[in-house]
Amino acid sequence: MKRRVRQDKLHNQMNVVPYIDVMLVLLVIFMVTAPMFTPGVINLPSVGKSSQVTKQPLEINIDATGNYSLTQNNKTTSIATLDELASQAAQLSTADTPVVISAD
């Protein structure tokens, strides 16, 4: 009678069962600890009312063709160049004069 010799072959496969066990333990830990943390409070800025403007603003208007005009107290003045606009605006305004720039 012949005896068969059994040869164990090498298995070139990775055993993933321990990794699955570790992942399940981590999942349980995160599920238990997640409700314990309170979300952070974010303080957003609130919008308030601005103070009323006591002076009439100086309006600088630039249209689509590049023409400049200056409006103050409902008086509109056409200006040819940017240098003229700067000097005229400096003459008509003071340190606390609001300036509104409208450009097309």
PDB file of N, CA and C in Angstrom:
ATOM      1  N   MET A   1       0.801  -1.146   0.000  1.00  0.00           N
ATOM      2  CA  MET A   1       0.000   0.000   0.000  1.00  0.00           C
ATOM      3  C   MET A   1       0.876   1.253   0.000  1.00  0.00           C
ATOM      4  N   LYS A   2       0.505   2.066  -0.894  1.00  0.00           N
ATOM      5  CA  LYS A   2       1.275   3.298  -1.023  1.00  0.00           C
ATOM      6  C   LYS A   2       0.661   4.391  -0.162  1.00  0.00           C
ATOM      7  N   ARG A   3       1.521   5.065   0.430  1.00  0.00           N
ATOM      8  CA  ARG A   3       1.047   6.224   1.195  1.00  0.00           C
ATOM      9  C   ARG A   3       1.183   7.475   0.348  1.00  0.00           C
ATOM     10  N   ARG A   4       0.165   8.232   0.428  1.00  0.00           N
ATOM     11  CA  ARG A   4       0.253   9.512  -0.272  1.00  0.00           C
ATOM     12  C   ARG A   4       0.894  10.539   0.648  1.00  0.00           C
ATOM     13  N   VAL A   5       1.793  11.220   0.104  1.00  0.00           N
ATOM     14  CA  VAL A   5       2.429  12.298   0.859  1.00  0.00           C
ATOM     15  C   VAL A   5       1.711  13.587   0.462  1.00  0.00           C
ATOM     16  N   ARG A   6       1.209  14.191   1.454  1.00  0.00           N
ATOM     17  CA  ARG A   6       0.462  15.413   1.184  1.00  0.00           C
ATOM     18  C   ARG A   6       1.398  16.608   1.269  1.00  0.00           C
ATOM     19  N   GLN A   7       1.408  17.370   0.236  1.00  0.00           N
ATOM     20  CA  GLN A   7       2.283  18.533   0.205  1.00  0.00           C
ATOM     21  C   GLN A   7       1.419  19.786   0.361  1.00  0.00           C
ATOM     22  N   ASP A   8       1.795  20.578   1.320  1.00  0.00           N
ATOM     23  CA  ASP A   8       1.084  21.854   1.501  1.00  0.00           C
ATOM     24  C   ASP A   8       1.648  22.862   0.521  1.00  0.00           C
ATOM     25  N   LYS A   9       0.747  23.423  -0.222  1.00  0.00           N
ATOM     26  CA  LYS A   9       1.166  24.446  -1.170  1.00  0.00           C
ATOM     27  C   LYS A   9       1.122  25.800  -0.473  1.00  0.00           C
ATOM     28  N   LEU A  10       1.996  26.643  -0.883  1.00  0.00           N
ATOM     29  CA  LEU A  10       1.999  28.001  -0.350  1.00  0.00           C
ATOM     30  C   LEU A  10       0.834  28.770  -0.942  1.00  0.00           C
ATOM     31  N   HIS A  11       0.170  29.476  -0.078  1.00  0.00           N
ATOM     32  CA  HIS A  11      -0.922  30.321  -0.541  1.00  0.00           C
ATOM     33  C   HIS A  11      -0.393  31.756  -0.616  1.00  0.00           C
ATOM     34  N   ASN A  12      -0.479  32.309  -1.766  1.00  0.00           N
ATOM     35  CA  ASN A  12      -0.014  33.685  -1.961  1.00  0.00           C
ATOM     36  C   ASN A  12      -1.180  34.666  -1.875  1.00  0.00           C
ATOM     37  N   GLN A  13      -1.982  34.503  -0.873  1.00  0.00           N
ATOM     38  CA  GLN A  13      -3.110  35.392  -0.681  1.00  0.00           C
ATOM     39  C   GLN A  13      -2.980  36.076   0.665  1.00  0.00           C
ATOM     40  N   MET A  14      -3.488  37.280   0.702  1.00  0.00           N
ATOM     41  CA  MET A  14      -3.411  38.062   1.931  1.00  0.00           C
ATOM     42  C   MET A  14      -4.635  37.781   2.788  1.00  0.00           C
ATOM     43  N   ASN A  15      -4.424  37.574   4.061  1.00  0.00           N
ATOM     44  CA  ASN A  15      -5.523  37.315   4.973  1.00  0.00           C
ATOM     45  C   ASN A  15      -6.074  38.674   5.445  1.00  0.00           C
ATOM     46  N   VAL A  16      -7.294  39.000   5.046  1.00  0.00           N
ATOM     47  CA  VAL A  16      -7.867  40.307   5.356  1.00  0.00           C
ATOM     48  C   VAL A  16      -8.810  40.280   6.556  1.00  0.00           C
ATOM     49  N   VAL A  17      -9.017  39.153   7.146  1.00  0.00           N
ATOM     50  CA  VAL A  17      -9.932  39.047   8.284  1.00  0.00           C
ATOM     51  C   VAL A  17      -9.486  39.922   9.453  1.00  0.00           C
ATOM     52  N   PRO A  18      -8.213  39.955   9.832  1.00  0.00           N
ATOM     53  CA  PRO A  18      -7.822  40.853  10.927  1.00  0.00           C
ATOM     54  C   PRO A  18      -8.063  42.333  10.595  1.00  0.00           C
ATOM     55  N   TYR A  19      -7.894  42.700   9.344  1.00  0.00           N
ATOM     56  CA  TYR A  19      -8.123  44.093   8.953  1.00  0.00           C
ATOM     57  C   TYR A  19      -9.603  44.446   9.059  1.00  0.00           C
ATOM     58  N   ILE A  20     -10.455  43.522   8.696  1.00  0.00           N
ATOM     59  CA  ILE A  20     -11.898  43.746   8.816  1.00  0.00           C
ATOM     60  C   ILE A  20     -12.284  43.885  10.278  1.00  0.00           C
ATOM     61  N   ASP A  21     -11.686  43.067  11.145  1.00  0.00           N
ATOM     62  CA  ASP A  21     -11.968  43.162  12.577  1.00  0.00           C
ATOM     63  C   ASP A  21     -11.552  44.528  13.131  1.00  0.00           C
ATOM     64  N   VAL A  22     -10.387  44.990  12.741  1.00  0.00           N
ATOM     65  CA  VAL A  22      -9.903  46.295  13.212  1.00  0.00           C
ATOM     66  C   VAL A  22     -10.813  47.410  12.709  1.00  0.00           C
ATOM     67  N   MET A  23     -11.248  47.341  11.466  1.00  0.00           N
ATOM     68  CA  MET A  23     -12.120  48.369  10.905  1.00  0.00           C
ATOM     69  C   MET A  23     -13.469  48.396  11.617  1.00  0.00           C
ATOM     70  N   LEU A  24     -14.003  47.238  11.956  1.00  0.00           N
ATOM     71  CA  LEU A  24     -15.274  47.203  12.677  1.00  0.00           C
ATOM     72  C   LEU A  24     -15.139  47.785  14.079  1.00  0.00           C
ATOM     73  N   VAL A  25     -14.025  47.505  14.749  1.00  0.00           N
ATOM     74  CA  VAL A  25     -13.796  48.084  16.078  1.00  0.00           C
ATOM     75  C   VAL A  25     -13.683  49.604  15.972  1.00  0.00           C
ATOM     76  N   LEU A  26     -12.958  50.092  14.983  1.00  0.00           N
ATOM     77  CA  LEU A  26     -12.838  51.540  14.798  1.00  0.00           C
ATOM     78  C   LEU A  26     -14.189  52.167  14.473  1.00  0.00           C
ATOM     79  N   LEU A  27     -14.990  51.505  13.669  1.00  0.00           N
ATOM     80  CA  LEU A  27     -16.319  52.008  13.338  1.00  0.00           C
ATOM     81  C   LEU A  27     -17.176  52.134  14.582  1.00  0.00           C
ATOM     82  N   VAL A  28     -17.133  51.147  15.440  1.00  0.00           N
ATOM     83  CA  VAL A  28     -17.912  51.191  16.676  1.00  0.00           C
ATOM     84  C   VAL A  28     -17.419  52.322  17.574  1.00  0.00           C
ATOM     85  N   ILE A  29     -16.105  52.490  17.671  1.00  0.00           N
ATOM     86  CA  ILE A  29     -15.550  53.568  18.501  1.00  0.00           C
ATOM     87  C   ILE A  29     -16.012  54.926  17.982  1.00  0.00           C
ATOM     88  N   PHE A  30     -15.950  55.152  16.678  1.00  0.00           N
ATOM     89  CA  PHE A  30     -16.374  56.431  16.110  1.00  0.00           C
ATOM     90  C   PHE A  30     -17.875  56.641  16.272  1.00  0.00           C
ATOM     91  N   MET A  31     -18.657  55.595  16.144  1.00  0.00           N
ATOM     92  CA  MET A  31     -20.101  55.741  16.301  1.00  0.00           C
ATOM     93  C   MET A  31     -20.474  56.073  17.739  1.00  0.00           C
ATOM     94  N   VAL A  32     -19.709  55.571  18.693  1.00  0.00           N
ATOM     95  CA  VAL A  32     -20.005  55.842  20.104  1.00  0.00           C
ATOM     96  C   VAL A  32     -19.541  57.243  20.488  1.00  0.00           C
ATOM     97  N   THR A  33     -18.372  57.667  19.993  1.00  0.00           N
ATOM     98  CA  THR A  33     -17.813  58.945  20.422  1.00  0.00           C
ATOM     99  C   THR A  33     -18.321  60.140  19.620  1.00  0.00           C
ATOM    100  N   ALA A  34     -18.854  59.955  18.423  1.00  0.00           N
ATOM    101  CA  ALA A  34     -19.293  61.080  17.599  1.00  0.00           C
ATOM    102  C   ALA A  34     -20.415  61.892  18.237  1.00  0.00           C
ATOM    103  N   PRO A  35     -21.425  61.304  18.849  1.00  0.00           N
ATOM    104  CA  PRO A  35     -22.472  62.133  19.475  1.00  0.00           C
ATOM    105  C   PRO A  35     -22.001  62.921  20.693  1.00  0.00           C
ATOM    106  N   MET A  36     -20.864  62.578  21.254  1.00  0.00           N
ATOM    107  CA  MET A  36     -20.365  63.274  22.435  1.00  0.00           C
ATOM    108  C   MET A  36     -19.806  64.657  22.109  1.00  0.00           C
ATOM    109  N   PHE A  37     -19.384  64.860  20.882  1.00  0.00           N
ATOM    110  CA  PHE A  37     -18.804  66.138  20.502  1.00  0.00           C
ATOM    111  C   PHE A  37     -19.900  67.096  20.066  1.00  0.00           C
ATOM    112  N   THR A  38     -19.870  68.297  20.617  1.00  0.00           N
ATOM    113  CA  THR A  38     -20.836  69.310  20.192  1.00  0.00           C
ATOM    114  C   THR A  38     -20.210  70.118  19.066  1.00  0.00           C
ATOM    115  N   PRO A  39     -20.995  70.490  18.085  1.00  0.00           N
ATOM    116  CA  PRO A  39     -20.426  71.274  16.983  1.00  0.00           C
ATOM    117  C   PRO A  39     -20.026  72.654  17.470  1.00  0.00           C
ATOM    118  N   GLY A  40     -18.999  73.215  16.859  1.00  0.00           N
ATOM    119  CA  GLY A  40     -18.514  74.530  17.240  1.00  0.00           C
ATOM    120  C   GLY A  40     -19.507  75.622  16.887  1.00  0.00           C
ATOM    121  N   VAL A  41     -19.533  76.649  17.686  1.00  0.00           N
ATOM    122  CA  VAL A  41     -20.425  77.780  17.455  1.00  0.00           C
ATOM    123  C   VAL A  41     -19.669  78.815  16.641  1.00  0.00           C
ATOM    124  N   ILE A  42     -20.287  79.245  15.554  1.00  0.00           N
ATOM    125  CA  ILE A  42     -19.674  80.248  14.694  1.00  0.00           C
ATOM    126  C   ILE A  42     -20.409  81.557  14.902  1.00  0.00           C
ATOM    127  N   ASN A  43     -19.689  82.576  15.297  1.00  0.00           N
ATOM    128  CA  ASN A  43     -20.286  83.888  15.489  1.00  0.00           C
ATOM    129  C   ASN A  43     -20.182  84.672  14.193  1.00  0.00           C
ATOM    130  N   LEU A  44     -21.298  84.825  13.512  1.00  0.00           N
ATOM    131  CA  LEU A  44     -21.327  85.568  12.265  1.00  0.00           C
ATOM    132  C   LEU A  44     -21.617  87.032  12.554  1.00  0.00           C
ATOM    133  N   PRO A  45     -21.058  87.911  11.744  1.00  0.00           N
ATOM    134  CA  PRO A  45     -21.336  89.332  11.975  1.00  0.00           C
ATOM    135  C   PRO A  45     -22.779  89.654  11.601  1.00  0.00           C
ATOM    136  N   SER A  46     -23.338  90.599  12.314  1.00  0.00           N
ATOM    137  CA  SER A  46     -24.706  91.004  12.017  1.00  0.00           C
ATOM    138  C   SER A  46     -24.694  92.331  11.268  1.00  0.00           C
ATOM    139  N   VAL A  47     -25.756  92.564  10.538  1.00  0.00           N
ATOM    140  CA  VAL A  47     -25.857  93.791   9.755  1.00  0.00           C
ATOM    141  C   VAL A  47     -26.651  94.795  10.556  1.00  0.00           C
ATOM    142  N   GLY A  48     -26.077  95.951  10.725  1.00  0.00           N
ATOM    143  CA  GLY A  48     -26.764  97.013  11.439  1.00  0.00           C
ATOM    144  C   GLY A  48     -27.111  98.146  10.492  1.00  0.00           C
ATOM    145  N   LYS A  49     -27.730  99.141  11.024  1.00  0.00           N
ATOM    146  CA  LYS A  49     -28.076 100.297  10.209  1.00  0.00           C
ATOM    147  C   LYS A  49     -26.898 101.263  10.179  1.00  0.00           C
ATOM    148  N   SER A  50     -26.635 101.790   9.021  1.00  0.00           N
ATOM    149  CA  SER A  50     -25.559 102.759   8.906  1.00  0.00           C
ATOM    150  C   SER A  50     -26.083 104.130   9.295  1.00  0.00           C
ATOM    151  N   SER A  51     -25.163 104.963   9.695  1.00  0.00           N
ATOM    152  CA  SER A  51     -25.572 106.320  10.041  1.00  0.00           C
ATOM    153  C   SER A  51     -25.935 107.079   8.772  1.00  0.00           C
ATOM    154  N   GLN A  52     -26.808 108.002   8.912  1.00  0.00           N
ATOM    155  CA  GLN A  52     -27.252 108.780   7.767  1.00  0.00           C
ATOM    156  C   GLN A  52     -26.128 109.704   7.301  1.00  0.00           C
ATOM    157  N   VAL A  53     -26.002 109.826   6.003  1.00  0.00           N
ATOM    158  CA  VAL A  53     -24.977 110.683   5.430  1.00  0.00           C
ATOM    159  C   VAL A  53     -25.453 112.124   5.570  1.00  0.00           C
ATOM    160  N   THR A  54     -24.627 112.937   6.221  1.00  0.00           N
ATOM    161  CA  THR A  54     -25.019 114.322   6.446  1.00  0.00           C
ATOM    162  C   THR A  54     -24.662 115.210   5.260  1.00  0.00           C
ATOM    163  N   LYS A  55     -23.669 114.806   4.490  1.00  0.00           N
ATOM    164  CA  LYS A  55     -23.255 115.593   3.334  1.00  0.00           C
ATOM    165  C   LYS A  55     -23.727 114.934   2.054  1.00  0.00           C
ATOM    166  N   GLN A  56     -23.900 115.721   1.035  1.00  0.00           N
ATOM    167  CA  GLN A  56     -24.221 115.190  -0.278  1.00  0.00           C
ATOM    168  C   GLN A  56     -22.968 114.531  -0.846  1.00  0.00           C
ATOM    169  N   PRO A  57     -23.100 113.347  -1.400  1.00  0.00           N
ATOM    170  CA  PRO A  57     -21.906 112.683  -1.949  1.00  0.00           C
ATOM    171  C   PRO A  57     -21.473 113.326  -3.258  1.00  0.00           C
ATOM    172  N   LEU A  58     -20.210 113.165  -3.536  1.00  0.00           N
ATOM    173  CA  LEU A  58     -19.626 113.600  -4.795  1.00  0.00           C
ATOM    174  C   LEU A  58     -19.655 112.387  -5.715  1.00  0.00           C
ATOM    175  N   GLU A  59     -20.366 112.483  -6.824  1.00  0.00           N
ATOM    176  CA  GLU A  59     -20.519 111.350  -7.740  1.00  0.00           C
ATOM    177  C   GLU A  59     -19.597 111.525  -8.931  1.00  0.00           C
ATOM    178  N   ILE A  60     -18.786 110.510  -9.178  1.00  0.00           N
ATOM    179  CA  ILE A  60     -17.929 110.478 -10.359  1.00  0.00           C
ATOM    180  C   ILE A  60     -18.514 109.446 -11.305  1.00  0.00           C
ATOM    181  N   ASN A  61     -18.895 109.883 -12.505  1.00  0.00           N
ATOM    182  CA  ASN A  61     -19.528 109.004 -13.481  1.00  0.00           C
ATOM    183  C   ASN A  61     -18.604 108.783 -14.664  1.00  0.00           C
ATOM    184  N   ILE A  62     -18.456 107.525 -15.061  1.00  0.00           N
ATOM    185  CA  ILE A  62     -17.674 107.161 -16.245  1.00  0.00           C
ATOM    186  C   ILE A  62     -18.582 106.316 -17.116  1.00  0.00           C
ATOM    187  N   ASP A  63     -18.866 106.779 -18.333  1.00  0.00           N
ATOM    188  CA  ASP A  63     -19.768 106.018 -19.195  1.00  0.00           C
ATOM    189  C   ASP A  63     -18.992 105.037 -20.059  1.00  0.00           C
ATOM    190  N   ALA A  64     -19.704 104.306 -20.902  1.00  0.00           N
ATOM    191  CA  ALA A  64     -19.105 103.236 -21.707  1.00  0.00           C
ATOM    192  C   ALA A  64     -18.118 103.758 -22.741  1.00  0.00           C
ATOM    193  N   THR A  65     -18.295 104.994 -23.173  1.00  0.00           N
ATOM    194  CA  THR A  65     -17.379 105.548 -24.181  1.00  0.00           C
ATOM    195  C   THR A  65     -16.154 106.201 -23.562  1.00  0.00           C
ATOM    196  N   GLY A  66     -16.093 106.280 -22.236  1.00  0.00           N
ATOM    197  CA  GLY A  66     -14.924 106.834 -21.559  1.00  0.00           C
ATOM    198  C   GLY A  66     -15.063 108.296 -21.210  1.00  0.00           C
ATOM    199  N   ASN A  67     -16.265 108.853 -21.262  1.00  0.00           N
ATOM    200  CA  ASN A  67     -16.498 110.243 -20.886  1.00  0.00           C
ATOM    201  C   ASN A  67     -16.672 110.340 -19.378  1.00  0.00           C
ATOM    202  N   TYR A  68     -16.088 111.386 -18.788  1.00  0.00           N
ATOM    203  CA  TYR A  68     -16.143 111.593 -17.347  1.00  0.00           C
ATOM    204  C   TYR A  68     -17.112 112.719 -17.031  1.00  0.00           C
ATOM    205  N   SER A  69     -17.807 112.579 -15.907  1.00  0.00           N
ATOM    206  CA  SER A  69     -18.644 113.668 -15.406  1.00  0.00           C
ATOM    207  C   SER A  69     -18.637 113.619 -13.888  1.00  0.00           C
ATOM    208  N   LEU A  70     -18.860 114.785 -13.308  1.00  0.00           N
ATOM    209  CA  LEU A  70     -18.811 114.949 -11.861  1.00  0.00           C
ATOM    210  C   LEU A  70     -20.134 115.558 -11.424  1.00  0.00           C
ATOM    211  N   THR A  71     -20.792 114.961 -10.425  1.00  0.00           N
ATOM    212  CA  THR A  71     -22.090 115.454  -9.963  1.00  0.00           C
ATOM    213  C   THR A  71     -22.010 115.717  -8.471  1.00  0.00           C
ATOM    214  N   GLN A  72     -22.405 116.961  -8.094  1.00  0.00           N
ATOM    215  CA  GLN A  72     -22.504 117.308  -6.681  1.00  0.00           C
ATOM    216  C   GLN A  72     -23.646 118.298  -6.524  1.00  0.00           C
ATOM    217  N   ASN A  73     -24.518 118.052  -5.551  1.00  0.00           N
ATOM    218  CA  ASN A  73     -25.707 118.875  -5.303  1.00  0.00           C
ATOM    219  C   ASN A  73     -26.566 119.003  -6.550  1.00  0.00           C
ATOM    220  N   ASN A  74     -26.748 117.903  -7.249  1.00  0.00           N
ATOM    221  CA  ASN A  74     -27.564 117.821  -8.465  1.00  0.00           C
ATOM    222  C   ASN A  74     -27.044 118.699  -9.597  1.00  0.00           C
ATOM    223  N   LYS A  75     -25.781 119.066  -9.572  1.00  0.00           N
ATOM    224  CA  LYS A  75     -25.148 119.810 -10.659  1.00  0.00           C
ATOM    225  C   LYS A  75     -24.122 118.894 -11.314  1.00  0.00           C
ATOM    226  N   THR A  76     -24.282 118.651 -12.603  1.00  0.00           N
ATOM    227  CA  THR A  76     -23.398 117.753 -13.333  1.00  0.00           C
ATOM    228  C   THR A  76     -22.454 118.567 -14.194  1.00  0.00           C
ATOM    229  N   THR A  77     -21.162 118.233 -14.120  1.00  0.00           N
ATOM    230  CA  THR A  77     -20.133 118.898 -14.901  1.00  0.00           C
ATOM    231  C   THR A  77     -19.422 117.849 -15.745  1.00  0.00           C
ATOM    232  N   SER A  78     -19.336 118.059 -17.041  1.00  0.00           N
ATOM    233  CA  SER A  78     -18.599 117.149 -17.923  1.00  0.00           C
ATOM    234  C   SER A  78     -17.123 117.501 -17.866  1.00  0.00           C
ATOM    235  N   ILE A  79     -16.281 116.463 -17.860  1.00  0.00           N
ATOM    236  CA  ILE A  79     -14.836 116.659 -17.750  1.00  0.00           C
ATOM    237  C   ILE A  79     -14.175 115.862 -18.863  1.00  0.00           C
ATOM    238  N   ALA A  80     -13.135 116.454 -19.459  1.00  0.00           N
ATOM    239  CA  ALA A  80     -12.511 115.838 -20.633  1.00  0.00           C
ATOM    240  C   ALA A  80     -11.470 114.791 -20.282  1.00  0.00           C
ATOM    241  N   THR A  81     -10.596 115.055 -19.307  1.00  0.00           N
ATOM    242  CA  THR A  81      -9.489 114.138 -19.032  1.00  0.00           C
ATOM    243  C   THR A  81      -9.538 113.641 -17.584  1.00  0.00           C
ATOM    244  N   LEU A  82      -8.776 112.609 -17.340  1.00  0.00           N
ATOM    245  CA  LEU A  82      -8.708 112.024 -16.002  1.00  0.00           C
ATOM    246  C   LEU A  82      -7.985 112.944 -15.032  1.00  0.00           C
ATOM    247  N   ASP A  83      -6.967 113.653 -15.493  1.00  0.00           N
ATOM    248  CA  ASP A  83      -6.245 114.597 -14.625  1.00  0.00           C
ATOM    249  C   ASP A  83      -7.163 115.731 -14.183  1.00  0.00           C
ATOM    250  N   GLU A  84      -7.982 116.214 -15.115  1.00  0.00           N
ATOM    251  CA  GLU A  84      -8.949 117.254 -14.784  1.00  0.00           C
ATOM    252  C   GLU A  84      -9.956 116.744 -13.767  1.00  0.00           C
ATOM    253  N   LEU A  85     -10.381 115.513 -13.945  1.00  0.00           N
ATOM    254  CA  LEU A  85     -11.333 114.897 -13.023  1.00  0.00           C
ATOM    255  C   LEU A  85     -10.746 114.820 -11.616  1.00  0.00           C
ATOM    256  N   ALA A  86      -9.500 114.418 -11.505  1.00  0.00           N
ATOM    257  CA  ALA A  86      -8.853 114.296 -10.194  1.00  0.00           C
ATOM    258  C   ALA A  86      -8.720 115.650  -9.515  1.00  0.00           C
ATOM    259  N   SER A  87      -8.313 116.664 -10.260  1.00  0.00           N
ATOM    260  CA  SER A  87      -8.142 117.988  -9.654  1.00  0.00           C
ATOM    261  C   SER A  87      -9.491 118.596  -9.281  1.00  0.00           C
ATOM    262  N   GLN A  88     -10.510 118.416 -10.110  1.00  0.00           N
ATOM    263  CA  GLN A  88     -11.851 118.940  -9.819  1.00  0.00           C
ATOM    264  C   GLN A  88     -12.440 118.240  -8.592  1.00  0.00           C
ATOM    265  N   ALA A  89     -12.253 116.935  -8.488  1.00  0.00           N
ATOM    266  CA  ALA A  89     -12.759 116.190  -7.331  1.00  0.00           C
ATOM    267  C   ALA A  89     -12.046 116.619  -6.057  1.00  0.00           C
ATOM    268  N   ALA A  90     -10.755 116.895  -6.142  1.00  0.00           N
ATOM    269  CA  ALA A  90     -10.005 117.346  -4.963  1.00  0.00           C
ATOM    270  C   ALA A  90     -10.479 118.722  -4.511  1.00  0.00           C
ATOM    271  N   GLN A  91     -10.855 119.581  -5.452  1.00  0.00           N
ATOM    272  CA  GLN A  91     -11.330 120.922  -5.088  1.00  0.00           C
ATOM    273  C   GLN A  91     -12.710 120.883  -4.444  1.00  0.00           C
ATOM    274  N   LEU A  92     -13.591 120.015  -4.940  1.00  0.00           N
ATOM    275  CA  LEU A  92     -14.972 119.985  -4.469  1.00  0.00           C
ATOM    276  C   LEU A  92     -15.169 119.180  -3.187  1.00  0.00           C
ATOM    277  N   SER A  93     -14.232 118.354  -2.830  1.00  0.00           N
ATOM    278  CA  SER A  93     -14.426 117.488  -1.670  1.00  0.00           C
ATOM    279  C   SER A  93     -13.534 117.897  -0.512  1.00  0.00           C
ATOM    280  N   THR A  94     -13.972 117.484   0.684  1.00  0.00           N
ATOM    281  CA  THR A  94     -13.164 117.649   1.887  1.00  0.00           C
ATOM    282  C   THR A  94     -12.817 116.251   2.402  1.00  0.00           C
ATOM    283  N   ALA A  95     -12.219 116.177   3.578  1.00  0.00           N
ATOM    284  CA  ALA A  95     -11.784 114.888   4.108  1.00  0.00           C
ATOM    285  C   ALA A  95     -12.948 113.966   4.443  1.00  0.00           C
ATOM    286  N   ASP A  96     -14.106 114.536   4.807  1.00  0.00           N
ATOM    287  CA  ASP A  96     -15.243 113.692   5.194  1.00  0.00           C
ATOM    288  C   ASP A  96     -16.356 113.662   4.148  1.00  0.00           C
ATOM    289  N   THR A  97     -16.062 114.092   2.916  1.00  0.00           N
ATOM    290  CA  THR A  97     -17.056 114.049   1.848  1.00  0.00           C
ATOM    291  C   THR A  97     -17.107 112.641   1.270  1.00  0.00           C
ATOM    292  N   PRO A  98     -18.299 112.029   1.241  1.00  0.00           N
ATOM    293  CA  PRO A  98     -18.403 110.710   0.619  1.00  0.00           C
ATOM    294  C   PRO A  98     -18.289 110.823  -0.898  1.00  0.00           C
ATOM    295  N   VAL A  99     -17.620 109.847  -1.520  1.00  0.00           N
ATOM    296  CA  VAL A  99     -17.429 109.837  -2.955  1.00  0.00           C
ATOM    297  C   VAL A  99     -18.019 108.540  -3.501  1.00  0.00           C
ATOM    298  N   VAL A 100     -18.867 108.673  -4.528  1.00  0.00           N
ATOM    299  CA  VAL A 100     -19.494 107.522  -5.166  1.00  0.00           C
ATOM    300  C   VAL A 100     -18.983 107.481  -6.604  1.00  0.00           C
ATOM    301  N   ILE A 101     -18.438 106.340  -7.005  1.00  0.00           N
ATOM    302  CA  ILE A 101     -17.930 106.185  -8.360  1.00  0.00           C
ATOM    303  C   ILE A 101     -18.883 105.246  -9.111  1.00  0.00           C
ATOM    304  N   SER A 102     -19.450 105.755 -10.199  1.00  0.00           N
ATOM    305  CA  SER A 102     -20.336 104.953 -11.049  1.00  0.00           C
ATOM    306  C   SER A 102     -19.671 104.764 -12.384  1.00  0.00           C
ATOM    307  N   ALA A 103     -19.372 103.537 -12.740  1.00  0.00           N
ATOM    308  CA  ALA A 103     -18.692 103.258 -13.995  1.00  0.00           C
ATOM    309  C   ALA A 103     -19.520 102.277 -14.809  1.00  0.00           C
ATOM    310  N   ASP A 104     -19.482 102.455 -16.127  1.00  0.00           N
ATOM    311  CA  ASP A 104     -20.228 101.582 -17.023  1.00  0.00           C
ATOM    312  C   ASP A 104     -19.286 100.539 -17.556  1.00  0.00           C
TER     313      ASP A 104
END
